[in-house]
Amino acid sequence: MYLKKVEGPRAVKTADGRVLCMGDLPAEDTQRWVASRKETVVLAVEYGLLSKETALDRYGLSDEEFDSWCFARNRYGFNGLKATNAKGTRQP
């Protein structure tokens, strides 16, 4: 079996016991960002599977957009990443 040489770890284990690997990441040409895909990218960066810069380049994200995903997940959990929940998490 041939394993491609990659920088960094091939897989990481999250605090809740999930194992994330490069194959679990969304496709590079992802256009529709549902909460589960956002969470996967945030966890990959948080646990060192991807660097933040690599994630931003790979998915064409801005710093502000990615930081808003991190903030929403840390403050409101998975539900904070849902677009339908954004209305309830914004300040008046």
Protein backbone atom coordinates (compact mmCIF):
# COMPACT_ATOMS: atom_id res chain seq x y z
CA MET A 1 0.00 0.00 0.00
CA TYR A 2 1.39 3.38 -1.01
CA LEU A 3 1.00 6.31 1.39
CA LYS A 4 1.58 9.79 0.01
CA LYS A 5 4.08 11.85 1.98
CA VAL A 6 2.27 14.72 3.71
CA GLU A 7 3.38 17.38 6.14
CA GLY A 8 1.97 17.09 9.64
CA PRO A 9 -0.14 14.31 11.09
CA ARG A 10 -2.22 11.98 8.94
CA ALA A 11 -4.99 11.78 11.52
CA VAL A 12 -5.91 13.50 14.78
CA LYS A 13 -8.16 12.52 17.65
CA THR A 14 -10.59 15.17 18.94
CA ALA A 15 -11.66 15.69 22.54
CA ASP A 16 -14.93 13.82 21.95
CA GLY A 17 -13.05 10.79 20.63
CA ARG A 18 -13.61 11.28 16.91
CA VAL A 19 -10.70 10.63 14.57
CA LEU A 20 -10.25 13.12 11.74
CA CYS A 21 -8.07 12.41 8.73
CA MET A 22 -7.49 14.23 5.45
CA GLY A 23 -10.15 12.08 3.79
CA ASP A 24 -12.78 13.46 6.16
CA LEU A 25 -12.23 17.04 5.00
CA PRO A 26 -14.69 18.63 2.55
CA ALA A 27 -13.74 18.83 -1.13
CA GLU A 28 -11.58 21.80 -2.10
CA ASP A 29 -14.25 23.14 -4.46
CA THR A 30 -16.99 23.17 -1.80
CA GLN A 31 -19.53 25.93 -2.44
CA ARG A 32 -22.30 25.02 0.01
CA TRP A 33 -21.07 25.26 3.59
CA VAL A 34 -23.38 23.32 5.88
CA ALA A 35 -22.69 23.21 9.62
CA SER A 36 -21.06 19.77 9.56
CA ARG A 37 -18.52 20.84 6.92
CA LYS A 38 -17.72 24.04 8.80
CA GLU A 39 -17.21 22.08 12.00
CA THR A 40 -14.91 19.58 10.27
CA VAL A 41 -12.65 22.37 8.97
CA VAL A 42 -12.63 24.17 12.35
CA LEU A 43 -11.73 20.94 14.17
CA ALA A 44 -9.01 20.11 11.62
CA VAL A 45 -7.36 23.47 12.27
CA GLU A 46 -7.92 23.33 16.04
CA TYR A 47 -6.31 19.90 16.36
CA GLY A 48 -3.47 20.54 13.92
CA LEU A 49 -4.52 18.44 10.94
CA LEU A 50 -4.42 21.61 8.80
CA SER A 51 -2.83 24.96 9.43
CA LYS A 52 -5.16 27.95 9.36
CA GLU A 53 -3.36 29.36 6.32
CA THR A 54 -3.72 26.07 4.45
CA ALA A 55 -7.43 25.91 5.26
CA LEU A 56 -7.98 29.49 4.10
CA ASP A 57 -6.14 28.86 0.82
CA ARG A 58 -7.67 25.44 0.21
CA TYR A 59 -11.27 26.60 0.68
CA GLY A 60 -10.99 30.24 -0.42
CA LEU A 61 -12.06 31.58 2.97
CA SER A 62 -11.33 34.97 4.47
CA ASP A 63 -9.84 35.37 7.94
CA GLU A 64 -13.06 36.97 9.15
CA GLU A 65 -15.26 34.17 7.84
CA PHE A 66 -13.14 31.44 9.40
CA ASP A 67 -12.84 33.34 12.69
CA SER A 68 -16.62 33.75 12.77
CA TRP A 69 -17.00 29.96 12.40
CA CYS A 70 -14.58 29.41 15.30
CA PHE A 71 -16.34 31.98 17.48
CA ALA A 72 -19.80 30.55 16.72
CA ARG A 73 -18.67 26.99 17.47
CA ASN A 74 -16.89 27.93 20.69
CA ARG A 75 -19.74 30.08 21.97
CA TYR A 76 -22.85 28.23 20.73
CA GLY A 77 -21.58 24.76 19.80
CA PHE A 78 -22.53 22.93 16.63
CA ASN A 79 -25.86 24.78 16.37
CA GLY A 80 -24.01 28.09 16.18
CA LEU A 81 -22.64 27.05 12.78
CA LYS A 82 -26.07 26.58 11.27
CA ALA A 83 -27.21 29.36 8.94
CA THR A 84 -30.77 29.15 10.30
CA ASN A 85 -29.42 29.80 13.80
CA ALA A 86 -27.48 32.93 12.84
CA LYS A 87 -30.53 35.09 13.46
CA GLY A 88 -30.69 34.03 17.10
CA THR A 89 -26.98 34.48 17.78
CA ARG A 90 -26.59 38.04 16.47
CA GLN A 91 -26.72 40.97 18.80
CA PRO A 92 -29.41 43.62 18.18
